[in-house]
Amino acid sequence: TTIEFEPGCEADFNRVMEDIAPEDDRWEHNERNADTNGHSHARAGLIGPSVTIPFRAGELLLGVWQKIVCIDFDDRPRARKLVVQLLGV
């Protein structure tokens, strides 16, 4: 996704995610799968798997403070792949 990536905004984002999908809540996913990352699935579903950012003349058209961030909500390390696709005329 994109966000103004600075400590205050990052803290606010993390607080909002915890308010919406608390890690220590009861998650049906955890109970059915003997797992601990039900909150991660809910958070990832809210944010979505991708973002589209326009570009022109080889430059991304982002806001002044806007940054592209890859957010992994899982509660344990995993190998991830990031796919970047450029479409143009």
PDB file of N, CA and C in Angstrom:
ATOM      1  N   THR A   1       0.847  -1.170   0.000  1.00  0.00           N
ATOM      2  CA  THR A   1       0.000   0.000   0.000  1.00  0.00           C
ATOM      3  C   THR A   1       0.895   1.238   0.000  1.00  0.00           C
ATOM      4  N   THR A   2       0.301   2.395   0.170  1.00  0.00           N
ATOM      5  CA  THR A   2       1.080   3.623   0.301  1.00  0.00           C
ATOM      6  C   THR A   2       0.715   4.291   1.616  1.00  0.00           C
ATOM      7  N   ILE A   3       1.683   4.986   2.179  1.00  0.00           N
ATOM      8  CA  ILE A   3       1.467   5.675   3.451  1.00  0.00           C
ATOM      9  C   ILE A   3       2.560   6.728   3.606  1.00  0.00           C
ATOM     10  N   GLU A   4       2.287   7.736   4.421  1.00  0.00           N
ATOM     11  CA  GLU A   4       3.355   8.655   4.805  1.00  0.00           C
ATOM     12  C   GLU A   4       4.187   7.888   5.829  1.00  0.00           C
ATOM     13  N   PHE A   5       5.312   7.357   5.389  1.00  0.00           N
ATOM     14  CA  PHE A   5       6.090   6.425   6.213  1.00  0.00           C
ATOM     15  C   PHE A   5       7.048   7.186   7.120  1.00  0.00           C
ATOM     16  N   GLU A   6       6.532   7.551   8.273  1.00  0.00           N
ATOM     17  CA  GLU A   6       7.325   8.184   9.320  1.00  0.00           C
ATOM     18  C   GLU A   6       6.831   7.606  10.642  1.00  0.00           C
ATOM     19  N   PRO A   7       7.624   7.697  11.706  1.00  0.00           N
ATOM     20  CA  PRO A   7       7.294   6.993  12.952  1.00  0.00           C
ATOM     21  C   PRO A   7       5.895   7.265  13.501  1.00  0.00           C
ATOM     22  N   GLY A   8       5.430   8.507  13.466  1.00  0.00           N
ATOM     23  CA  GLY A   8       4.107   8.816  14.002  1.00  0.00           C
ATOM     24  C   GLY A   8       2.996   8.151  13.220  1.00  0.00           C
ATOM     25  N   CYS A   9       3.080   8.242  11.916  1.00  0.00           N
ATOM     26  CA  CYS A   9       2.060   7.632  11.059  1.00  0.00           C
ATOM     27  C   CYS A   9       2.117   6.108  11.166  1.00  0.00           C
ATOM     28  N   GLU A  10       3.311   5.567  11.242  1.00  0.00           N
ATOM     29  CA  GLU A  10       3.462   4.115  11.396  1.00  0.00           C
ATOM     30  C   GLU A  10       2.828   3.655  12.709  1.00  0.00           C
ATOM     31  N   ALA A  11       3.054   4.383  13.786  1.00  0.00           N
ATOM     32  CA  ALA A  11       2.453   4.043  15.083  1.00  0.00           C
ATOM     33  C   ALA A  11       0.935   4.139  15.013  1.00  0.00           C
ATOM     34  N   ASP A  12       0.424   5.198  14.370  1.00  0.00           N
ATOM     35  CA  ASP A  12      -1.022   5.362  14.231  1.00  0.00           C
ATOM     36  C   ASP A  12      -1.621   4.213  13.425  1.00  0.00           C
ATOM     37  N   PHE A  13      -0.974   3.839  12.338  1.00  0.00           N
ATOM     38  CA  PHE A  13      -1.452   2.748  11.492  1.00  0.00           C
ATOM     39  C   PHE A  13      -1.504   1.444  12.297  1.00  0.00           C
ATOM     40  N   ASN A  14      -0.436   1.162  13.040  1.00  0.00           N
ATOM     41  CA  ASN A  14      -0.399  -0.057  13.848  1.00  0.00           C
ATOM     42  C   ASN A  14      -1.503  -0.049  14.911  1.00  0.00           C
ATOM     43  N   ARG A  15      -1.776   1.114  15.514  1.00  0.00           N
ATOM     44  CA  ARG A  15      -2.828   1.223  16.522  1.00  0.00           C
ATOM     45  C   ARG A  15      -4.192   0.965  15.892  1.00  0.00           C
ATOM     46  N   VAL A  16      -4.432   1.545  14.715  1.00  0.00           N
ATOM     47  CA  VAL A  16      -5.702   1.341  14.030  1.00  0.00           C
ATOM     48  C   VAL A  16      -5.895  -0.141  13.693  1.00  0.00           C
ATOM     49  N   MET A  17      -4.855  -0.795  13.193  1.00  0.00           N
ATOM     50  CA  MET A  17      -4.965  -2.225  12.874  1.00  0.00           C
ATOM     51  C   MET A  17      -5.250  -3.036  14.134  1.00  0.00           C
ATOM     52  N   GLU A  18      -4.630  -2.670  15.241  1.00  0.00           N
ATOM     53  CA  GLU A  18      -4.870  -3.385  16.500  1.00  0.00           C
ATOM     54  C   GLU A  18      -6.292  -3.124  16.994  1.00  0.00           C
ATOM     55  N   ASP A  19      -6.804  -1.906  16.799  1.00  0.00           N
ATOM     56  CA  ASP A  19      -8.178  -1.592  17.197  1.00  0.00           C
ATOM     57  C   ASP A  19      -9.185  -2.377  16.358  1.00  0.00           C
ATOM     58  N   ILE A  20      -8.936  -2.474  15.065  1.00  0.00           N
ATOM     59  CA  ILE A  20      -9.871  -3.139  14.145  1.00  0.00           C
ATOM     60  C   ILE A  20      -9.794  -4.660  14.278  1.00  0.00           C
ATOM     61  N   ALA A  21      -8.583  -5.204  14.332  1.00  0.00           N
ATOM     62  CA  ALA A  21      -8.382  -6.657  14.365  1.00  0.00           C
ATOM     63  C   ALA A  21      -7.339  -6.992  15.436  1.00  0.00           C
ATOM     64  N   PRO A  22      -7.752  -6.978  16.715  1.00  0.00           N
ATOM     65  CA  PRO A  22      -6.795  -7.211  17.806  1.00  0.00           C
ATOM     66  C   PRO A  22      -6.165  -8.601  17.755  1.00  0.00           C
ATOM     67  N   GLU A  23      -4.867  -8.630  17.945  1.00  0.00           N
ATOM     68  CA  GLU A  23      -4.136  -9.904  17.902  1.00  0.00           C
ATOM     69  C   GLU A  23      -4.639 -10.874  18.962  1.00  0.00           C
ATOM     70  N   ASP A  24      -4.989 -10.358  20.149  1.00  0.00           N
ATOM     71  CA  ASP A  24      -5.371 -11.251  21.250  1.00  0.00           C
ATOM     72  C   ASP A  24      -6.875 -11.543  21.300  1.00  0.00           C
ATOM     73  N   ASP A  25      -7.611 -11.196  20.255  1.00  0.00           N
ATOM     74  CA  ASP A  25      -9.036 -11.498  20.177  1.00  0.00           C
ATOM     75  C   ASP A  25      -9.231 -12.989  19.916  1.00  0.00           C
ATOM     76  N   ARG A  26     -10.451 -13.471  20.033  1.00  0.00           N
ATOM     77  CA  ARG A  26     -10.750 -14.860  19.684  1.00  0.00           C
ATOM     78  C   ARG A  26     -10.987 -14.913  18.175  1.00  0.00           C
ATOM     79  N   TRP A  27     -10.190 -15.715  17.483  1.00  0.00           N
ATOM     80  CA  TRP A  27     -10.290 -15.842  16.027  1.00  0.00           C
ATOM     81  C   TRP A  27     -10.671 -17.281  15.681  1.00  0.00           C
ATOM     82  N   GLU A  28     -11.763 -17.424  14.957  1.00  0.00           N
ATOM     83  CA  GLU A  28     -12.232 -18.745  14.533  1.00  0.00           C
ATOM     84  C   GLU A  28     -11.145 -19.489  13.757  1.00  0.00           C
ATOM     85  N   HIS A  29     -10.407 -18.758  12.919  1.00  0.00           N
ATOM     86  CA  HIS A  29      -9.299 -19.353  12.164  1.00  0.00           C
ATOM     87  C   HIS A  29      -8.313 -20.046  13.099  1.00  0.00           C
ATOM     88  N   ASN A  30      -7.962 -19.384  14.186  1.00  0.00           N
ATOM     89  CA  ASN A  30      -6.999 -19.960  15.130  1.00  0.00           C
ATOM     90  C   ASN A  30      -7.533 -21.239  15.758  1.00  0.00           C
ATOM     91  N   GLU A  31      -8.803 -21.222  16.121  1.00  0.00           N
ATOM     92  CA  GLU A  31      -9.383 -22.386  16.782  1.00  0.00           C
ATOM     93  C   GLU A  31      -9.555 -23.562  15.835  1.00  0.00           C
ATOM     94  N   ARG A  32      -9.908 -23.285  14.593  1.00  0.00           N
ATOM     95  CA  ARG A  32     -10.113 -24.367  13.623  1.00  0.00           C
ATOM     96  C   ARG A  32      -8.798 -24.946  13.102  1.00  0.00           C
ATOM     97  N   ASN A  33      -7.736 -24.147  13.125  1.00  0.00           N
ATOM     98  CA  ASN A  33      -6.470 -24.571  12.529  1.00  0.00           C
ATOM     99  C   ASN A  33      -5.324 -24.684  13.526  1.00  0.00           C
ATOM    100  N   ALA A  34      -5.621 -24.593  14.813  1.00  0.00           N
ATOM    101  CA  ALA A  34      -4.574 -24.593  15.843  1.00  0.00           C
ATOM    102  C   ALA A  34      -3.466 -23.623  15.445  1.00  0.00           C
ATOM    103  N   ASP A  35      -3.875 -22.418  15.089  1.00  0.00           N
ATOM    104  CA  ASP A  35      -2.970 -21.415  14.544  1.00  0.00           C
ATOM    105  C   ASP A  35      -3.018 -20.165  15.420  1.00  0.00           C
ATOM    106  N   THR A  36      -2.216 -19.162  15.078  1.00  0.00           N
ATOM    107  CA  THR A  36      -2.166 -17.932  15.876  1.00  0.00           C
ATOM    108  C   THR A  36      -2.258 -16.669  15.029  1.00  0.00           C
ATOM    109  N   ASN A  37      -2.583 -16.803  13.750  1.00  0.00           N
ATOM    110  CA  ASN A  37      -2.523 -15.626  12.886  1.00  0.00           C
ATOM    111  C   ASN A  37      -3.862 -15.230  12.272  1.00  0.00           C
ATOM    112  N   GLY A  38      -4.955 -15.503  12.960  1.00  0.00           N
ATOM    113  CA  GLY A  38      -6.263 -15.089  12.457  1.00  0.00           C
ATOM    114  C   GLY A  38      -6.343 -13.584  12.254  1.00  0.00           C
ATOM    115  N   HIS A  39      -5.769 -12.842  13.183  1.00  0.00           N
ATOM    116  CA  HIS A  39      -5.752 -11.376  13.058  1.00  0.00           C
ATOM    117  C   HIS A  39      -5.001 -10.936  11.803  1.00  0.00           C
ATOM    118  N   SER A  40      -3.962 -11.668  11.430  1.00  0.00           N
ATOM    119  CA  SER A  40      -3.164 -11.337  10.251  1.00  0.00           C
ATOM    120  C   SER A  40      -3.997 -11.445   8.979  1.00  0.00           C
ATOM    121  N   HIS A  41      -4.804 -12.492   8.885  1.00  0.00           N
ATOM    122  CA  HIS A  41      -5.654 -12.683   7.710  1.00  0.00           C
ATOM    123  C   HIS A  41      -6.695 -11.566   7.602  1.00  0.00           C
ATOM    124  N   ALA A  42      -7.291 -11.200   8.737  1.00  0.00           N
ATOM    125  CA  ALA A  42      -8.293 -10.130   8.729  1.00  0.00           C
ATOM    126  C   ALA A  42      -7.661  -8.804   8.292  1.00  0.00           C
ATOM    127  N   ARG A  43      -6.496  -8.489   8.831  1.00  0.00           N
ATOM    128  CA  ARG A  43      -5.813  -7.242   8.489  1.00  0.00           C
ATOM    129  C   ARG A  43      -5.406  -7.220   7.018  1.00  0.00           C
ATOM    130  N   ALA A  44      -4.859  -8.327   6.541  1.00  0.00           N
ATOM    131  CA  ALA A  44      -4.444  -8.404   5.132  1.00  0.00           C
ATOM    132  C   ALA A  44      -5.648  -8.261   4.207  1.00  0.00           C
ATOM    133  N   GLY A  45      -6.795  -8.826   4.604  1.00  0.00           N
ATOM    134  CA  GLY A  45      -7.993  -8.697   3.798  1.00  0.00           C
ATOM    135  C   GLY A  45      -8.474  -7.254   3.704  1.00  0.00           C
ATOM    136  N   LEU A  46      -8.301  -6.502   4.763  1.00  0.00           N
ATOM    137  CA  LEU A  46      -8.699  -5.089   4.758  1.00  0.00           C
ATOM    138  C   LEU A  46      -7.810  -4.247   3.848  1.00  0.00           C
ATOM    139  N   ILE A  47      -6.519  -4.513   3.864  1.00  0.00           N
ATOM    140  CA  ILE A  47      -5.564  -3.722   3.076  1.00  0.00           C
ATOM    141  C   ILE A  47      -5.543  -4.171   1.614  1.00  0.00           C
ATOM    142  N   GLY A  48      -5.668  -5.472   1.397  1.00  0.00           N
ATOM    143  CA  GLY A  48      -5.645  -5.994   0.034  1.00  0.00           C
ATOM    144  C   GLY A  48      -4.243  -6.391  -0.400  1.00  0.00           C
ATOM    145  N   PRO A  49      -4.161  -7.155  -1.483  1.00  0.00           N
ATOM    146  CA  PRO A  49      -2.876  -7.717  -1.897  1.00  0.00           C
ATOM    147  C   PRO A  49      -2.046  -6.844  -2.822  1.00  0.00           C
ATOM    148  N   SER A  50      -2.604  -5.724  -3.304  1.00  0.00           N
ATOM    149  CA  SER A  50      -1.837  -4.965  -4.292  1.00  0.00           C
ATOM    150  C   SER A  50      -2.220  -3.493  -4.280  1.00  0.00           C
ATOM    151  N   VAL A  51      -1.418  -2.732  -4.971  1.00  0.00           N
ATOM    152  CA  VAL A  51      -1.671  -1.303  -5.130  1.00  0.00           C
ATOM    153  C   VAL A  51      -1.286  -0.919  -6.559  1.00  0.00           C
ATOM    154  N   THR A  52      -2.040  -0.003  -7.141  1.00  0.00           N
ATOM    155  CA  THR A  52      -1.733   0.505  -8.468  1.00  0.00           C
ATOM    156  C   THR A  52      -1.292   1.953  -8.328  1.00  0.00           C
ATOM    157  N   ILE A  53      -0.135   2.265  -8.883  1.00  0.00           N
ATOM    158  CA  ILE A  53       0.403   3.625  -8.804  1.00  0.00           C
ATOM    159  C   ILE A  53       0.736   4.084 -10.224  1.00  0.00           C
ATOM    160  N   PRO A  54       0.152   5.177 -10.646  1.00  0.00           N
ATOM    161  CA  PRO A  54       0.454   5.667 -11.995  1.00  0.00           C
ATOM    162  C   PRO A  54       1.869   6.232 -12.085  1.00  0.00           C
ATOM    163  N   PHE A  55       2.398   6.239 -13.277  1.00  0.00           N
ATOM    164  CA  PHE A  55       3.703   6.868 -13.500  1.00  0.00           C
ATOM    165  C   PHE A  55       3.687   7.569 -14.841  1.00  0.00           C
ATOM    166  N   ARG A  56       4.564   8.555 -14.971  1.00  0.00           N
ATOM    167  CA  ARG A  56       4.678   9.326 -16.209  1.00  0.00           C
ATOM    168  C   ARG A  56       6.142   9.707 -16.377  1.00  0.00           C
ATOM    169  N   ALA A  57       6.618   9.574 -17.569  1.00  0.00           N
ATOM    170  CA  ALA A  57       8.010   9.918 -17.891  1.00  0.00           C
ATOM    171  C   ALA A  57       8.990   9.205 -16.960  1.00  0.00           C
ATOM    172  N   GLY A  58       8.685   7.953 -16.637  1.00  0.00           N
ATOM    173  CA  GLY A  58       9.583   7.155 -15.809  1.00  0.00           C
ATOM    174  C   GLY A  58       9.550   7.478 -14.325  1.00  0.00           C
ATOM    175  N   GLU A  59       8.615   8.315 -13.878  1.00  0.00           N
ATOM    176  CA  GLU A  59       8.516   8.709 -12.462  1.00  0.00           C
ATOM    177  C   GLU A  59       7.174   8.265 -11.886  1.00  0.00           C
ATOM    178  N   LEU A  60       7.224   7.694 -10.675  1.00  0.00           N
ATOM    179  CA  LEU A  60       5.982   7.356  -9.989  1.00  0.00           C
ATOM    180  C   LEU A  60       5.278   8.637  -9.566  1.00  0.00           C
ATOM    181  N   LEU A  61       3.961   8.656  -9.720  1.00  0.00           N
ATOM    182  CA  LEU A  61       3.193   9.842  -9.357  1.00  0.00           C
ATOM    183  C   LEU A  61       2.651   9.673  -7.939  1.00  0.00           C
ATOM    184  N   LEU A  62       3.538   9.881  -6.988  1.00  0.00           N
ATOM    185  CA  LEU A  62       3.208   9.775  -5.561  1.00  0.00           C
ATOM    186  C   LEU A  62       3.115  11.165  -4.950  1.00  0.00           C
ATOM    187  N   GLY A  63       2.422  11.255  -3.815  1.00  0.00           N
ATOM    188  CA  GLY A  63       2.379  12.505  -3.072  1.00  0.00           C
ATOM    189  C   GLY A  63       3.756  12.841  -2.529  1.00  0.00           C
ATOM    190  N   VAL A  64       3.911  14.055  -2.079  1.00  0.00           N
ATOM    191  CA  VAL A  64       5.213  14.535  -1.598  1.00  0.00           C
ATOM    192  C   VAL A  64       5.796  13.610  -0.524  1.00  0.00           C
ATOM    193  N   TRP A  65       4.982  13.190   0.431  1.00  0.00           N
ATOM    194  CA  TRP A  65       5.470  12.373   1.553  1.00  0.00           C
ATOM    195  C   TRP A  65       5.086  10.904   1.415  1.00  0.00           C
ATOM    196  N   GLN A  66       4.400  10.568   0.366  1.00  0.00           N
ATOM    197  CA  GLN A  66       3.882   9.219   0.180  1.00  0.00           C
ATOM    198  C   GLN A  66       5.000   8.239  -0.175  1.00  0.00           C
ATOM    199  N   LYS A  67       4.967   7.077   0.445  1.00  0.00           N
ATOM    200  CA  LYS A  67       5.916   5.999   0.177  1.00  0.00           C
ATOM    201  C   LYS A  67       5.143   4.715  -0.110  1.00  0.00           C
ATOM    202  N   ILE A  68       5.737   3.858  -0.905  1.00  0.00           N
ATOM    203  CA  ILE A  68       5.187   2.526  -1.136  1.00  0.00           C
ATOM    204  C   ILE A  68       5.721   1.627  -0.032  1.00  0.00           C
ATOM    205  N   VAL A  69       4.818   0.891   0.633  1.00  0.00           N
ATOM    206  CA  VAL A  69       5.234  -0.001   1.705  1.00  0.00           C
ATOM    207  C   VAL A  69       4.652  -1.395   1.477  1.00  0.00           C
ATOM    208  N   CYS A  70       5.425  -2.389   1.816  1.00  0.00           N
ATOM    209  CA  CYS A  70       4.965  -3.768   1.795  1.00  0.00           C
ATOM    210  C   CYS A  70       4.722  -4.163   3.254  1.00  0.00           C
ATOM    211  N   ILE A  71       3.494  -4.516   3.570  1.00  0.00           N
ATOM    212  CA  ILE A  71       3.129  -4.816   4.952  1.00  0.00           C
ATOM    213  C   ILE A  71       2.825  -6.298   5.066  1.00  0.00           C
ATOM    214  N   ASP A  72       3.505  -6.958   5.973  1.00  0.00           N
ATOM    215  CA  ASP A  72       3.264  -8.371   6.250  1.00  0.00           C
ATOM    216  C   ASP A  72       2.726  -8.457   7.673  1.00  0.00           C
ATOM    217  N   PHE A  73       1.459  -8.821   7.817  1.00  0.00           N
ATOM    218  CA  PHE A  73       0.822  -8.859   9.125  1.00  0.00           C
ATOM    219  C   PHE A  73       1.035 -10.178   9.863  1.00  0.00           C
ATOM    220  N   ASP A  74       1.667 -11.157   9.239  1.00  0.00           N
ATOM    221  CA  ASP A  74       1.794 -12.466   9.864  1.00  0.00           C
ATOM    222  C   ASP A  74       2.590 -12.369  11.153  1.00  0.00           C
ATOM    223  N   ASP A  75       2.399 -13.354  12.017  1.00  0.00           N
ATOM    224  CA  ASP A  75       3.054 -13.319  13.324  1.00  0.00           C
ATOM    225  C   ASP A  75       4.305 -14.198  13.393  1.00  0.00           C
ATOM    226  N   ARG A  76       4.770 -14.624  12.233  1.00  0.00           N
ATOM    227  CA  ARG A  76       6.035 -15.370  12.194  1.00  0.00           C
ATOM    228  C   ARG A  76       6.701 -15.112  10.840  1.00  0.00           C
ATOM    229  N   PRO A  77       8.015 -15.207  10.796  1.00  0.00           N
ATOM    230  CA  PRO A  77       8.736 -14.931   9.540  1.00  0.00           C
ATOM    231  C   PRO A  77       8.373 -15.923   8.438  1.00  0.00           C
ATOM    232  N   ARG A  78       8.282 -15.406   7.234  1.00  0.00           N
ATOM    233  CA  ARG A  78       8.034 -16.219   6.050  1.00  0.00           C
ATOM    234  C   ARG A  78       8.780 -15.587   4.882  1.00  0.00           C
ATOM    235  N   ALA A  79       9.104 -16.392   3.896  1.00  0.00           N
ATOM    236  CA  ALA A  79       9.703 -15.850   2.674  1.00  0.00           C
ATOM    237  C   ALA A  79       8.571 -15.273   1.826  1.00  0.00           C
ATOM    238  N   ARG A  80       8.764 -14.071   1.326  1.00  0.00           N
ATOM    239  CA  ARG A  80       7.750 -13.415   0.497  1.00  0.00           C
ATOM    240  C   ARG A  80       8.386 -12.980  -0.818  1.00  0.00           C
ATOM    241  N   LYS A  81       7.581 -12.872  -1.848  1.00  0.00           N
ATOM    242  CA  LYS A  81       8.033 -12.350  -3.140  1.00  0.00           C
ATOM    243  C   LYS A  81       7.215 -11.113  -3.452  1.00  0.00           C
ATOM    244  N   LEU A  82       7.867 -10.104  -3.943  1.00  0.00           N
ATOM    245  CA  LEU A  82       7.204  -8.881  -4.349  1.00  0.00           C
ATOM    246  C   LEU A  82       7.244  -8.832  -5.881  1.00  0.00           C
ATOM    247  N   VAL A  83       6.077  -8.679  -6.495  1.00  0.00           N
ATOM    248  CA  VAL A  83       5.979  -8.629  -7.952  1.00  0.00           C
ATOM    249  C   VAL A  83       5.681  -7.191  -8.345  1.00  0.00           C
ATOM    250  N   VAL A  84       6.496  -6.656  -9.250  1.00  0.00           N
ATOM    251  CA  VAL A  84       6.284  -5.317  -9.780  1.00  0.00           C
ATOM    252  C   VAL A  84       5.994  -5.457 -11.266  1.00  0.00           C
ATOM    253  N   GLN A  85       4.882  -4.881 -11.690  1.00  0.00           N
ATOM    254  CA  GLN A  85       4.491  -4.956 -13.094  1.00  0.00           C
ATOM    255  C   GLN A  85       4.301  -3.523 -13.599  1.00  0.00           C
ATOM    256  N   LEU A  86       4.964  -3.188 -14.686  1.00  0.00           N
ATOM    257  CA  LEU A  86       4.840  -1.871 -15.275  1.00  0.00           C
ATOM    258  C   LEU A  86       4.041  -2.001 -16.572  1.00  0.00           C
ATOM    259  N   LEU A  87       3.015  -1.192 -16.701  1.00  0.00           N
ATOM    260  CA  LEU A  87       2.199  -1.180 -17.900  1.00  0.00           C
ATOM    261  C   LEU A  87       2.234   0.215 -18.480  1.00  0.00           C
ATOM    262  N   GLY A  88       2.397   0.327 -19.765  1.00  0.00           N
ATOM    263  CA  GLY A  88       2.439   1.639 -20.385  1.00  0.00           C
ATOM    264  C   GLY A  88       2.176   1.547 -21.877  1.00  0.00           C
ATOM    265  N   VAL A  89       2.136   2.706 -22.480  1.00  0.00           N
ATOM    266  CA  VAL A  89       1.911   2.751 -23.924  1.00  0.00           C
ATOM    267  C   VAL A  89       3.174   3.197 -24.621  1.00  0.00           C
TER     268      VAL A  89
END
